[in-house]
N, C-alpha and C. Protein backbone atom coordinates (compact mmCIF):
# COMPACT_ATOMS: atom_id res chain seq x y z
N MET A 1 74.97 74.45 88.17
CA MET A 1 76.23 74.69 87.86
C MET A 1 76.74 73.48 87.56
N ALA A 2 76.82 72.94 86.69
CA ALA A 2 77.28 71.91 85.89
C ALA A 2 78.51 72.42 84.84
N THR A 3 77.95 74.05 84.00
CA THR A 3 79.10 74.27 83.32
C THR A 3 80.32 74.47 83.93
N ARG A 4 80.47 74.74 85.35
CA ARG A 4 81.33 74.70 86.22
C ARG A 4 82.62 73.95 85.80
N ASP A 5 81.63 72.59 85.69
CA ASP A 5 82.40 71.30 86.03
C ASP A 5 83.30 70.80 84.80
N LYS A 6 82.79 71.62 83.86
CA LYS A 6 82.84 70.61 81.53
C LYS A 6 84.33 71.41 81.86
N ASN A 7 85.22 70.66 81.32
CA ASN A 7 86.43 71.15 80.84
C ASN A 7 86.69 72.07 80.28
N ILE A 8 87.32 72.67 79.59
CA ILE A 8 87.30 73.89 78.26
C ILE A 8 87.62 72.94 77.52
N TRP A 9 88.67 72.12 77.10
CA TRP A 9 89.39 71.09 76.51
C TRP A 9 88.15 70.82 75.48
N ILE A 10 86.87 70.05 76.38
CA ILE A 10 86.06 69.93 75.57
C ILE A 10 85.11 70.39 74.36
N LEU A 11 84.97 71.93 75.22
CA LEU A 11 84.70 72.97 74.83
C LEU A 11 85.32 73.04 73.09
N ILE A 12 86.31 73.19 73.47
CA ILE A 12 87.64 73.50 72.06
C ILE A 12 87.38 72.52 70.97
N VAL A 13 87.16 71.44 71.50
CA VAL A 13 87.22 70.31 70.40
C VAL A 13 85.66 70.11 69.91
N PHE A 14 84.63 70.79 70.10
CA PHE A 14 83.10 70.76 69.75
C PHE A 14 83.65 71.77 69.11
N ILE A 15 83.81 73.50 69.10
CA ILE A 15 84.24 74.02 68.00
C ILE A 15 84.55 73.74 66.98
N LEU A 16 86.21 72.57 67.79
CA LEU A 16 86.42 73.07 66.31
C LEU A 16 86.14 71.54 65.30
N SER A 17 85.66 70.63 65.75
CA SER A 17 84.46 69.81 65.04
C SER A 17 83.71 70.25 64.39
N GLY A 18 82.92 71.63 65.18
CA GLY A 18 81.52 72.16 64.07
C GLY A 18 82.10 72.74 63.50
N LEU A 19 83.12 73.14 63.25
CA LEU A 19 83.86 73.91 62.35
C LEU A 19 84.36 73.04 60.95
N VAL A 20 84.90 72.48 61.32
CA VAL A 20 84.96 71.57 60.41
C VAL A 20 84.35 70.50 59.47
N ILE A 21 83.25 70.52 60.64
CA ILE A 21 81.76 69.75 59.67
C ILE A 21 81.23 70.37 58.65
N GLY A 22 81.02 72.09 59.39
CA GLY A 22 80.32 72.77 58.54
C GLY A 22 81.23 73.46 57.95
N GLY A 23 82.19 73.73 57.30
CA GLY A 23 83.23 74.08 55.89
C GLY A 23 83.34 72.70 55.44
N LEU A 24 82.92 71.13 55.86
CA LEU A 24 82.88 70.11 54.37
C LEU A 24 81.50 70.45 53.85
N LEU A 25 80.63 70.94 54.74
CA LEU A 25 79.21 70.97 54.20
C LEU A 25 78.62 72.20 53.25
N GLY A 26 79.82 73.43 53.77
CA GLY A 26 79.87 74.83 53.23
C GLY A 26 80.24 74.17 51.15
N GLU A 27 81.45 73.37 51.54
CA GLU A 27 82.04 73.19 49.89
C GLU A 27 81.11 72.27 49.23
N LEU A 28 80.28 71.03 50.35
CA LEU A 28 79.05 70.44 48.84
C LEU A 28 78.09 71.10 48.83
N ALA A 29 77.79 72.00 49.68
CA ALA A 29 76.48 72.54 49.64
C ALA A 29 76.55 73.90 48.27
N SER A 30 78.23 74.34 47.89
CA SER A 30 78.33 75.30 47.46
C SER A 30 78.37 73.96 45.52
N LYS A 31 77.89 73.12 45.09
CA LYS A 31 77.44 72.64 44.25
C LYS A 31 75.74 72.60 44.24
N VAL A 32 75.03 72.97 44.88
CA VAL A 32 73.71 72.86 44.71
C VAL A 32 73.33 74.30 44.39
N ASP A 33 72.68 74.32 43.95
CA ASP A 33 72.26 75.71 43.07
C ASP A 33 71.37 76.50 44.45
N PHE A 34 70.88 76.09 44.97
CA PHE A 34 69.68 77.19 46.18
C PHE A 34 70.80 76.90 47.13
N LEU A 35 71.65 76.55 47.46
CA LEU A 35 72.38 76.75 49.01
C LEU A 35 73.78 76.85 48.67
N TRP A 36 73.85 77.69 47.70
CA TRP A 36 75.41 78.34 47.18
C TRP A 36 75.71 79.74 48.30
N TRP A 37 74.66 79.58 49.40
CA TRP A 37 74.73 81.16 50.20
C TRP A 37 75.87 80.21 50.98
N LEU A 38 75.21 79.08 51.82
CA LEU A 38 76.65 79.01 52.84
C LEU A 38 78.06 78.73 52.20
N SER A 39 78.41 78.96 51.24
CA SER A 39 79.66 78.44 50.40
C SER A 39 80.92 79.62 51.17
N TYR A 40 79.88 80.63 50.90
CA TYR A 40 80.18 82.16 51.08
C TYR A 40 80.87 82.35 52.60
N GLY A 41 82.15 83.23 52.40
CA GLY A 41 82.99 83.16 53.43
C GLY A 41 84.39 84.28 52.55
N GLN A 42 85.77 83.80 53.55
CA GLN A 42 86.46 84.66 53.47
C GLN A 42 87.48 83.64 54.26
N ASP A 43 88.87 83.80 53.37
CA ASP A 43 90.12 83.26 53.63
C ASP A 43 91.16 84.52 54.49
N PHE A 44 91.63 83.83 55.92
CA PHE A 44 91.96 84.41 56.79
C PHE A 44 93.80 83.48 56.70
N GLY A 45 94.48 84.25 56.51
CA GLY A 45 96.43 83.43 56.91
C GLY A 45 97.21 83.96 55.78
N LEU A 46 98.56 83.17 56.14
CA LEU A 46 99.26 83.68 54.95
C LEU A 46 99.19 83.29 53.89
N SER A 47 99.46 84.05 52.60
CA SER A 47 99.06 83.69 51.17
C SER A 47 100.20 82.92 50.65
N SER A 48 100.98 83.06 51.10
CA SER A 48 102.56 82.63 51.30
C SER A 48 103.18 82.28 52.08
N PRO A 49 103.32 80.82 52.00
CA PRO A 49 104.32 80.24 53.62
C PRO A 49 105.96 81.38 53.51
N VAL A 50 105.68 81.44 55.10
CA VAL A 50 107.35 81.74 55.03
C VAL A 50 108.24 80.62 55.49
N VAL A 51 109.82 81.17 55.21
CA VAL A 51 110.35 80.20 54.58
C VAL A 51 111.66 80.64 55.55
N LEU A 52 111.83 79.62 56.34
CA LEU A 52 113.44 80.42 57.57
C LEU A 52 114.73 79.10 57.11
N ASP A 53 115.31 79.43 56.51
CA ASP A 53 116.29 78.47 55.73
C ASP A 53 117.54 78.91 56.65
N LEU A 54 118.17 77.71 57.58
CA LEU A 54 119.27 78.23 58.93
C LEU A 54 120.10 77.12 58.17
N ASN A 55 120.13 77.15 56.64
CA ASN A 55 121.19 75.88 56.45
C ASN A 55 121.96 74.98 56.72
N ILE A 56 121.18 74.34 57.49
CA ILE A 56 120.74 72.93 57.93
C ILE A 56 119.50 72.39 58.27
N ILE A 57 119.10 73.42 58.25
CA ILE A 57 117.65 72.61 58.04
C ILE A 57 116.64 74.17 57.67
N LYS A 58 115.50 73.41 56.80
CA LYS A 58 114.63 74.96 56.51
C LYS A 58 113.03 74.49 57.07
N LEU A 59 112.65 75.44 57.64
CA LEU A 59 111.61 75.53 58.20
C LEU A 59 110.52 76.44 57.28
N THR A 60 109.10 75.89 56.99
CA THR A 60 108.13 76.59 56.33
C THR A 60 107.18 76.48 57.51
N PHE A 61 106.59 77.68 57.38
CA PHE A 61 105.18 77.90 58.07
C PHE A 61 103.94 78.32 57.75
N GLY A 62 103.24 78.44 57.37
CA GLY A 62 101.73 78.63 56.87
C GLY A 62 100.49 78.26 57.82
N LEU A 63 99.86 79.10 57.52
CA LEU A 63 98.53 79.19 58.13
C LEU A 63 97.48 79.82 57.68
N GLN A 64 96.27 79.32 57.11
CA GLN A 64 95.35 79.35 55.78
C GLN A 64 93.78 79.33 56.43
N LEU A 65 93.43 80.38 57.18
CA LEU A 65 91.41 79.81 57.28
C LEU A 65 90.85 80.12 56.34
N LYS A 66 89.55 79.18 56.06
CA LYS A 66 88.62 79.84 55.35
C LYS A 66 87.80 79.51 55.90
N ILE A 67 86.94 81.00 56.22
CA ILE A 67 85.47 80.70 57.55
C ILE A 67 84.82 81.00 56.34
N ASN A 68 83.51 79.77 56.05
CA ASN A 68 82.11 80.22 55.60
C ASN A 68 80.67 79.99 56.45
N ILE A 69 79.95 80.48 56.24
CA ILE A 69 78.53 80.32 56.54
C ILE A 69 78.34 79.05 57.33
N ALA A 70 78.65 78.26 56.26
CA ALA A 70 77.76 76.96 57.19
C ALA A 70 78.86 76.33 58.25
N SER A 71 80.37 77.02 57.93
CA SER A 71 80.91 76.85 59.79
C SER A 71 80.74 77.10 60.55
N ILE A 72 80.21 78.44 60.62
CA ILE A 72 79.97 79.20 61.71
C ILE A 72 78.04 78.97 62.13
N ILE A 73 77.58 78.42 61.71
CA ILE A 73 76.41 77.30 61.35
C ILE A 73 76.74 76.33 62.46
N GLY A 74 78.16 76.06 62.01
CA GLY A 74 78.52 74.37 62.09
C GLY A 74 78.92 74.76 64.23
N MET A 75 79.56 76.06 64.09
CA MET A 75 80.02 76.53 65.53
C MET A 75 79.27 76.79 66.20
N ALA A 76 77.96 77.27 65.83
CA ALA A 76 77.05 77.94 66.96
C ALA A 76 76.09 76.59 67.23
N ILE A 77 76.08 75.42 66.36
CA ILE A 77 75.35 74.18 66.64
C ILE A 77 76.17 73.55 68.05
N ALA A 78 77.41 73.32 67.47
CA ALA A 78 78.66 72.73 69.07
C ALA A 78 78.38 73.30 69.81
N ILE A 79 78.43 74.25 70.13
CA ILE A 79 77.93 75.37 71.24
C ILE A 79 76.89 74.93 71.79
N PHE A 80 75.89 74.82 70.88
CA PHE A 80 74.42 74.81 72.13
C PHE A 80 74.52 73.69 72.49
N ILE A 81 75.01 72.52 71.61
CA ILE A 81 75.19 71.24 72.18
C ILE A 81 76.20 70.96 73.55
N TYR A 82 77.05 71.89 73.44
CA TYR A 82 78.06 71.79 74.66
C TYR A 82 77.46 72.35 76.03
N ARG A 83 76.62 73.20 75.67
CA ARG A 83 76.24 73.55 76.46
C ARG A 83 74.86 72.68 77.47
N LYS A 84 74.19 71.93 76.26
CA LYS A 84 72.89 71.11 76.73
C LYS A 84 73.72 69.74 77.72
N VAL A 85 75.05 69.22 77.11
CA VAL A 85 75.40 68.25 77.57
C VAL A 85 76.12 68.83 79.26
């Protein structure tokens, strides 16, 4: 029952690092002919930022995620490592 003692924040860090490293490797793999499929993915989020103008301060909100095959593989590896640790 070691999994109950683990902190949820560690899991979140593992998953986010898997997504970031996988995304980076996917973008690098897009330049290699036989690894192009790792960079296949989709963009999610706001295409243009939302601006809130309050006359004193102007706030701009925006969020966009790009998920590709390599980032999904990286996330799966991160979860696997988390479960083994």
